[in-house]
Amino acid sequence: MALLVQTAGSLVAILALAGLAWWLKLGGTPRLDSDEAVRRAAGEIEDGFAPVTAAYDAEGASALARDGAGRIMVIKRHGNRFAGRVLGPGATARLDDQPGEFNLVVDPGEPRFGTVFLTLPDPEAWADAINGLNVAQHA
């Protein structure tokens, strides 16, 4: 009987904590599902980065942002936060040969950051802009 009371008490405590977390809106999966969400994430990643153009993945897990100076940042979900990099001359982008789950592949040129896969409405324009970063450095 004591084990049953202890088990029931533990279950009540777990449900109470889960309810409290839900009420406080803790946890969950952050999404990049609006221009404002992309702006907020970009500003948190690099202080002063103020996007004027943003495109976010259909799944809300990654995004691209361009600021007034023409810099492009790639952002991806990393756990329950976002990580991002301002792309430099080593970055490349390619269109997916077999569209399905994604249509743009961005390699920021940093192996530790990894490749980012996005599904965007205008992947060609973003690929040209990212690949143009390499051309601008050699001009």
N, C-alpha and C. Protein backbone atom coordinates (compact mmCIF):
# COMPACT_ATOMS: atom_id res chain seq x y z
N MET A 1 0.82 -1.20 0.00
CA MET A 1 0.00 0.00 0.00
C MET A 1 0.87 1.26 0.00
N ALA A 2 1.96 1.23 0.77
CA ALA A 2 2.85 2.39 0.84
C ALA A 2 3.48 2.67 -0.53
N LEU A 3 3.83 1.62 -1.25
CA LEU A 3 4.42 1.79 -2.58
C LEU A 3 3.41 2.43 -3.53
N LEU A 4 2.14 2.05 -3.41
CA LEU A 4 1.10 2.62 -4.26
C LEU A 4 0.92 4.11 -3.96
N VAL A 5 0.93 4.49 -2.70
CA VAL A 5 0.80 5.90 -2.31
C VAL A 5 2.01 6.70 -2.80
N GLN A 6 3.20 6.13 -2.66
CA GLN A 6 4.42 6.80 -3.11
C GLN A 6 4.39 6.99 -4.62
N THR A 7 3.98 5.97 -5.37
CA THR A 7 3.90 6.06 -6.83
C THR A 7 2.87 7.10 -7.25
N ALA A 8 1.71 7.10 -6.60
CA ALA A 8 0.67 8.08 -6.92
C ALA A 8 1.16 9.49 -6.60
N GLY A 9 1.85 9.67 -5.49
CA GLY A 9 2.39 10.98 -5.14
C GLY A 9 3.42 11.47 -6.15
N SER A 10 4.27 10.56 -6.60
CA SER A 10 5.27 10.92 -7.62
C SER A 10 4.59 11.32 -8.93
N LEU A 11 3.56 10.58 -9.33
CA LEU A 11 2.84 10.90 -10.56
C LEU A 11 2.19 12.28 -10.47
N VAL A 12 1.57 12.58 -9.34
CA VAL A 12 0.95 13.90 -9.14
C VAL A 12 2.01 14.99 -9.22
N ALA A 13 3.17 14.78 -8.61
CA ALA A 13 4.25 15.78 -8.64
C ALA A 13 4.74 16.00 -10.07
N ILE A 14 4.92 14.94 -10.82
CA ILE A 14 5.38 15.05 -12.21
C ILE A 14 4.37 15.82 -13.04
N LEU A 15 3.10 15.49 -12.90
CA LEU A 15 2.06 16.20 -13.66
C LEU A 15 1.97 17.66 -13.26
N ALA A 16 2.17 17.96 -11.99
CA ALA A 16 2.15 19.35 -11.54
C ALA A 16 3.31 20.14 -12.16
N LEU A 17 4.50 19.54 -12.18
CA LEU A 17 5.65 20.22 -12.79
C LEU A 17 5.47 20.40 -14.29
N ALA A 18 4.93 19.39 -14.96
CA ALA A 18 4.67 19.50 -16.40
C ALA A 18 3.65 20.60 -16.67
N GLY A 19 2.61 20.67 -15.84
CA GLY A 19 1.61 21.72 -16.00
C GLY A 19 2.19 23.11 -15.76
N LEU A 20 3.06 23.23 -14.78
CA LEU A 20 3.71 24.50 -14.51
C LEU A 20 4.60 24.92 -15.68
N ALA A 21 5.35 23.99 -16.23
CA ALA A 21 6.21 24.28 -17.39
C ALA A 21 5.36 24.71 -18.58
N TRP A 22 4.24 24.04 -18.80
CA TRP A 22 3.35 24.41 -19.91
C TRP A 22 2.78 25.81 -19.68
N TRP A 23 2.33 26.09 -18.45
CA TRP A 23 1.74 27.37 -18.12
C TRP A 23 2.74 28.51 -18.31
N LEU A 24 4.02 28.26 -17.96
CA LEU A 24 5.08 29.26 -18.12
C LEU A 24 5.64 29.31 -19.54
N LYS A 25 5.14 28.43 -20.39
CA LYS A 25 5.59 28.32 -21.79
C LYS A 25 7.09 28.03 -21.88
N LEU A 26 7.54 27.13 -21.02
CA LEU A 26 8.94 26.71 -21.04
C LEU A 26 9.11 25.53 -21.99
N GLY A 27 10.33 25.34 -22.46
CA GLY A 27 10.59 24.21 -23.34
C GLY A 27 10.02 24.46 -24.72
N GLY A 28 9.73 23.41 -25.40
CA GLY A 28 9.19 23.54 -26.74
C GLY A 28 10.30 23.73 -27.75
N THR A 29 9.93 23.79 -28.99
CA THR A 29 10.87 23.94 -30.08
C THR A 29 10.73 25.32 -30.68
N PRO A 30 11.77 26.14 -30.62
CA PRO A 30 11.67 27.48 -31.22
C PRO A 30 11.59 27.36 -32.75
N ARG A 31 10.91 28.31 -33.35
CA ARG A 31 10.73 28.28 -34.81
C ARG A 31 11.10 29.62 -35.42
N LEU A 32 11.66 29.54 -36.60
CA LEU A 32 11.90 30.73 -37.42
C LEU A 32 10.78 30.75 -38.46
N ASP A 33 9.62 31.24 -38.05
CA ASP A 33 8.46 31.16 -38.91
C ASP A 33 7.88 32.53 -39.28
N SER A 34 8.68 33.59 -39.05
CA SER A 34 8.26 34.94 -39.44
C SER A 34 9.50 35.81 -39.59
N ASP A 35 9.32 36.93 -40.28
CA ASP A 35 10.44 37.87 -40.42
C ASP A 35 10.91 38.35 -39.05
N GLU A 36 9.96 38.59 -38.15
CA GLU A 36 10.31 39.06 -36.81
C GLU A 36 11.12 38.02 -36.05
N ALA A 37 10.77 36.75 -36.17
CA ALA A 37 11.53 35.69 -35.50
C ALA A 37 12.96 35.62 -36.04
N VAL A 38 13.12 35.81 -37.35
CA VAL A 38 14.45 35.81 -37.96
C VAL A 38 15.24 37.02 -37.47
N ARG A 39 14.61 38.20 -37.43
CA ARG A 39 15.29 39.41 -36.94
C ARG A 39 15.76 39.23 -35.50
N ARG A 40 14.89 38.70 -34.68
CA ARG A 40 15.23 38.50 -33.27
C ARG A 40 16.40 37.52 -33.12
N ALA A 41 16.35 36.40 -33.85
CA ALA A 41 17.43 35.40 -33.77
C ALA A 41 18.74 35.99 -34.29
N ALA A 42 18.71 36.71 -35.40
CA ALA A 42 19.93 37.29 -35.97
C ALA A 42 20.54 38.30 -35.01
N GLY A 43 19.70 39.11 -34.37
CA GLY A 43 20.19 40.08 -33.40
C GLY A 43 20.81 39.43 -32.17
N GLU A 44 20.29 38.27 -31.78
CA GLU A 44 20.86 37.55 -30.64
C GLU A 44 22.18 36.89 -31.01
N ILE A 45 22.29 36.43 -32.25
CA ILE A 45 23.51 35.75 -32.70
C ILE A 45 24.65 36.74 -32.86
N GLU A 46 24.38 37.86 -33.51
CA GLU A 46 25.41 38.90 -33.67
C GLU A 46 24.81 40.25 -33.35
N ASP A 47 25.30 40.85 -32.30
CA ASP A 47 24.81 42.13 -31.86
C ASP A 47 24.95 43.16 -32.98
N GLY A 48 23.87 43.84 -33.29
CA GLY A 48 23.90 44.88 -34.31
C GLY A 48 23.53 44.39 -35.70
N PHE A 49 23.36 43.09 -35.90
CA PHE A 49 22.96 42.58 -37.21
C PHE A 49 21.46 42.83 -37.34
N ALA A 50 21.10 43.72 -38.26
CA ALA A 50 19.70 44.12 -38.45
C ALA A 50 19.26 43.74 -39.86
N PRO A 51 18.60 42.61 -40.01
CA PRO A 51 18.18 42.17 -41.35
C PRO A 51 17.19 43.13 -42.01
N VAL A 52 17.40 43.34 -43.30
CA VAL A 52 16.44 44.08 -44.10
C VAL A 52 15.65 43.12 -44.99
N THR A 53 16.23 41.94 -45.23
CA THR A 53 15.58 40.89 -45.99
C THR A 53 15.79 39.57 -45.26
N ALA A 54 14.73 38.78 -45.20
CA ALA A 54 14.84 37.49 -44.54
C ALA A 54 14.03 36.45 -45.30
N ALA A 55 14.51 35.23 -45.25
CA ALA A 55 13.78 34.09 -45.81
C ALA A 55 13.94 32.95 -44.84
N TYR A 56 12.83 32.34 -44.48
CA TYR A 56 12.90 31.26 -43.51
C TYR A 56 12.39 29.97 -44.12
N ASP A 57 12.97 28.91 -43.66
CA ASP A 57 12.67 27.57 -44.12
C ASP A 57 11.21 27.21 -43.83
N ALA A 58 10.62 26.39 -44.69
CA ALA A 58 9.23 25.98 -44.51
C ALA A 58 9.01 25.26 -43.19
N GLU A 59 10.02 24.59 -42.68
CA GLU A 59 9.91 23.87 -41.41
C GLU A 59 10.17 24.78 -40.21
N GLY A 60 10.69 25.99 -40.44
CA GLY A 60 10.98 26.91 -39.35
C GLY A 60 12.26 26.59 -38.59
N ALA A 61 13.10 25.72 -39.16
CA ALA A 61 14.32 25.30 -38.48
C ALA A 61 15.55 26.08 -38.91
N SER A 62 15.47 26.81 -40.02
CA SER A 62 16.63 27.55 -40.51
C SER A 62 16.16 28.76 -41.30
N ALA A 63 17.10 29.69 -41.53
CA ALA A 63 16.74 30.92 -42.23
C ALA A 63 17.99 31.57 -42.80
N LEU A 64 17.76 32.50 -43.70
CA LEU A 64 18.80 33.37 -44.24
C LEU A 64 18.36 34.81 -44.01
N ALA A 65 19.31 35.68 -43.71
CA ALA A 65 19.00 37.09 -43.48
C ALA A 65 20.10 37.94 -44.10
N ARG A 66 19.69 39.07 -44.69
CA ARG A 66 20.65 40.01 -45.29
C ARG A 66 20.46 41.36 -44.62
N ASP A 67 21.58 41.98 -44.22
CA ASP A 67 21.48 43.28 -43.58
C ASP A 67 21.69 44.40 -44.61
N GLY A 68 21.64 45.63 -44.16
CA GLY A 68 21.77 46.78 -45.04
C GLY A 68 23.13 46.90 -45.70
N ALA A 69 24.15 46.29 -45.12
CA ALA A 69 25.50 46.32 -45.69
C ALA A 69 25.72 45.19 -46.69
N GLY A 70 24.70 44.34 -46.90
CA GLY A 70 24.82 43.25 -47.86
C GLY A 70 25.36 41.96 -47.27
N ARG A 71 25.63 41.96 -45.96
CA ARG A 71 26.10 40.73 -45.32
C ARG A 71 24.94 39.74 -45.23
N ILE A 72 25.26 38.46 -45.37
CA ILE A 72 24.25 37.41 -45.30
C ILE A 72 24.57 36.50 -44.13
N MET A 73 23.55 36.24 -43.32
CA MET A 73 23.70 35.34 -42.19
C MET A 73 22.84 34.10 -42.43
N VAL A 74 23.42 32.94 -42.15
CA VAL A 74 22.65 31.70 -42.16
C VAL A 74 22.38 31.33 -40.71
N ILE A 75 21.16 30.93 -40.42
CA ILE A 75 20.74 30.61 -39.06
C ILE A 75 20.13 29.21 -39.06
N LYS A 76 20.47 28.42 -38.04
CA LYS A 76 19.86 27.10 -37.91
C LYS A 76 19.56 26.81 -36.45
N ARG A 77 18.58 25.95 -36.25
CA ARG A 77 18.24 25.56 -34.88
C ARG A 77 19.34 24.66 -34.34
N HIS A 78 19.71 24.92 -33.08
CA HIS A 78 20.72 24.13 -32.40
C HIS A 78 20.17 23.84 -31.01
N GLY A 79 19.55 22.67 -30.85
CA GLY A 79 18.87 22.37 -29.60
C GLY A 79 17.62 23.22 -29.48
N ASN A 80 17.48 23.95 -28.39
CA ASN A 80 16.31 24.83 -28.25
C ASN A 80 16.70 26.30 -28.44
N ARG A 81 17.80 26.53 -29.12
CA ARG A 81 18.26 27.88 -29.46
C ARG A 81 18.63 27.91 -30.94
N PHE A 82 19.14 29.07 -31.38
CA PHE A 82 19.58 29.20 -32.75
C PHE A 82 21.06 29.55 -32.79
N ALA A 83 21.73 29.02 -33.80
CA ALA A 83 23.13 29.35 -34.06
C ALA A 83 23.19 29.93 -35.46
N GLY A 84 24.14 30.80 -35.70
CA GLY A 84 24.24 31.40 -37.02
C GLY A 84 25.65 31.85 -37.33
N ARG A 85 25.89 32.09 -38.59
CA ARG A 85 27.17 32.59 -39.07
C ARG A 85 26.92 33.63 -40.15
N VAL A 86 27.71 34.71 -40.09
CA VAL A 86 27.72 35.67 -41.20
C VAL A 86 28.63 35.03 -42.24
N LEU A 87 28.09 34.87 -43.44
CA LEU A 87 28.81 34.15 -44.49
C LEU A 87 29.93 35.01 -45.07
N GLY A 88 31.03 34.36 -45.34
CA GLY A 88 32.18 35.03 -45.92
C GLY A 88 32.54 34.42 -47.25
N PRO A 89 33.75 34.71 -47.73
CA PRO A 89 34.15 34.24 -49.06
C PRO A 89 34.23 32.72 -49.20
N GLY A 90 34.33 31.98 -48.11
CA GLY A 90 34.40 30.52 -48.21
C GLY A 90 33.03 29.85 -48.30
N ALA A 91 31.97 30.63 -48.18
CA ALA A 91 30.62 30.06 -48.20
C ALA A 91 30.18 29.73 -49.61
N THR A 92 29.41 28.67 -49.74
CA THR A 92 28.84 28.29 -51.03
C THR A 92 27.38 27.89 -50.84
N ALA A 93 26.64 27.98 -51.91
CA ALA A 93 25.25 27.54 -51.91
C ALA A 93 24.97 26.83 -53.22
N ARG A 94 24.16 25.80 -53.13
CA ARG A 94 23.78 25.09 -54.35
C ARG A 94 22.31 24.71 -54.26
N LEU A 95 21.70 24.66 -55.43
CA LEU A 95 20.32 24.21 -55.51
C LEU A 95 20.31 22.70 -55.47
N ASP A 96 19.30 22.14 -54.82
CA ASP A 96 19.20 20.69 -54.73
C ASP A 96 18.84 20.13 -56.10
N ASP A 97 19.56 19.09 -56.51
CA ASP A 97 19.32 18.47 -57.82
C ASP A 97 17.99 17.73 -57.86
N GLN A 98 17.56 17.21 -56.73
CA GLN A 98 16.32 16.45 -56.66
C GLN A 98 15.44 17.07 -55.58
N PRO A 99 14.70 18.13 -55.92
CA PRO A 99 13.88 18.79 -54.90
C PRO A 99 12.95 17.80 -54.20
N GLY A 100 12.82 17.96 -52.93
CA GLY A 100 11.97 17.10 -52.12
C GLY A 100 11.82 17.72 -50.77
N GLU A 101 12.70 17.36 -49.86
CA GLU A 101 12.64 17.91 -48.51
C GLU A 101 13.24 19.30 -48.42
N PHE A 102 14.17 19.65 -49.30
CA PHE A 102 14.79 20.97 -49.28
C PHE A 102 15.17 21.34 -50.70
N ASN A 103 15.40 22.64 -50.94
CA ASN A 103 15.78 23.05 -52.28
C ASN A 103 17.03 23.92 -52.33
N LEU A 104 17.63 24.21 -51.16
CA LEU A 104 18.87 24.99 -51.12
C LEU A 104 19.78 24.40 -50.05
N VAL A 105 21.04 24.24 -50.41
CA VAL A 105 22.05 23.71 -49.49
C VAL A 105 23.11 24.80 -49.31
N VAL A 106 23.30 25.24 -48.07
CA VAL A 106 24.27 26.30 -47.78
C VAL A 106 25.40 25.71 -46.94
N ASP A 107 26.61 25.88 -47.44
CA ASP A 107 27.81 25.48 -46.70
C ASP A 107 28.53 26.76 -46.29
N PRO A 108 28.51 27.10 -45.01
CA PRO A 108 29.14 28.36 -44.59
C PRO A 108 30.66 28.33 -44.65
N GLY A 109 31.25 27.19 -44.97
CA GLY A 109 32.70 27.11 -45.05
C GLY A 109 33.35 26.81 -43.72
N GLU A 110 32.56 26.47 -42.72
CA GLU A 110 33.07 26.12 -41.40
C GLU A 110 32.61 24.70 -41.08
N PRO A 111 33.50 23.73 -41.14
CA PRO A 111 33.10 22.34 -40.90
C PRO A 111 32.40 22.12 -39.56
N ARG A 112 32.80 22.84 -38.53
CA ARG A 112 32.19 22.65 -37.21
C ARG A 112 30.75 23.15 -37.16
N PHE A 113 30.41 24.11 -38.01
CA PHE A 113 29.04 24.63 -38.03
C PHE A 113 28.14 23.70 -38.83
N GLY A 114 28.65 23.13 -39.88
CA GLY A 114 27.88 22.18 -40.68
C GLY A 114 27.11 22.83 -41.81
N THR A 115 26.56 22.00 -42.63
CA THR A 115 25.77 22.41 -43.78
C THR A 115 24.34 22.67 -43.34
N VAL A 116 23.69 23.64 -44.00
CA VAL A 116 22.32 24.00 -43.66
C VAL A 116 21.43 23.72 -44.88
N PHE A 117 20.34 23.02 -44.64
CA PHE A 117 19.40 22.66 -45.70
C PHE A 117 18.12 23.47 -45.50
N LEU A 118 17.68 24.17 -46.57
CA LEU A 118 16.51 25.03 -46.47
C LEU A 118 15.54 24.76 -47.61
N THR A 119 14.28 25.01 -47.35
CA THR A 119 13.25 25.04 -48.39
C THR A 119 12.73 26.47 -48.41
N LEU A 120 13.06 27.19 -49.48
CA LEU A 120 12.72 28.61 -49.59
C LEU A 120 11.89 28.86 -50.84
N PRO A 121 11.12 29.94 -50.85
CA PRO A 121 10.34 30.25 -52.05
C PRO A 121 11.20 30.69 -53.24
N ASP A 122 12.35 31.33 -53.01
CA ASP A 122 13.18 31.82 -54.11
C ASP A 122 14.63 31.38 -53.88
N PRO A 123 14.91 30.09 -53.96
CA PRO A 123 16.25 29.61 -53.64
C PRO A 123 17.32 30.09 -54.62
N GLU A 124 16.94 30.32 -55.88
CA GLU A 124 17.93 30.73 -56.88
C GLU A 124 18.56 32.08 -56.52
N ALA A 125 17.74 33.03 -56.10
CA ALA A 125 18.25 34.36 -55.76
C ALA A 125 19.21 34.29 -54.57
N TRP A 126 18.84 33.49 -53.56
CA TRP A 126 19.72 33.36 -52.39
C TRP A 126 21.01 32.64 -52.76
N ALA A 127 20.93 31.62 -53.60
CA ALA A 127 22.14 30.91 -54.03
C ALA A 127 23.07 31.86 -54.78
N ASP A 128 22.52 32.68 -55.68
CA ASP A 128 23.33 33.64 -56.42
C ASP A 128 23.98 34.65 -55.48
N ALA A 129 23.23 35.12 -54.49
CA ALA A 129 23.77 36.12 -53.55
C ALA A 129 24.90 35.52 -52.72
N ILE A 130 24.71 34.29 -52.24
CA ILE A 130 25.73 33.64 -51.42
C ILE A 130 26.97 33.34 -52.24
N ASN A 131 26.78 32.79 -53.43
CA ASN A 131 27.93 32.49 -54.28
C ASN A 131 28.60 33.75 -54.78
N GLY A 132 27.87 34.86 -54.83
CA GLY A 132 28.45 36.14 -55.20
C GLY A 132 29.40 36.71 -54.16
N LEU A 133 29.32 36.21 -52.94
CA LEU A 133 30.26 36.65 -51.92
C LEU A 133 31.69 36.29 -52.29
N ASN A 134 31.87 35.18 -52.97
CA ASN A 134 33.20 34.75 -53.42
C ASN A 134 33.72 35.64 -54.53
N VAL A 135 32.83 36.03 -55.43
CA VAL A 135 33.22 36.87 -56.58
C VAL A 135 33.64 38.25 -56.09
N ALA A 136 32.91 38.81 -55.14
CA ALA A 136 33.19 40.16 -54.65
C ALA A 136 34.57 40.25 -54.02
N GLN A 137 35.04 39.18 -53.39
CA GLN A 137 36.35 39.19 -52.73
C GLN A 137 37.50 39.20 -53.74
N HIS A 138 37.25 38.69 -54.93
CA HIS A 138 38.32 38.59 -55.93
C HIS A 138 38.32 39.76 -56.92
N ALA A 139 37.35 40.62 -56.82
CA ALA A 139 37.26 41.71 -57.79
C ALA A 139 38.24 42.82 -57.46
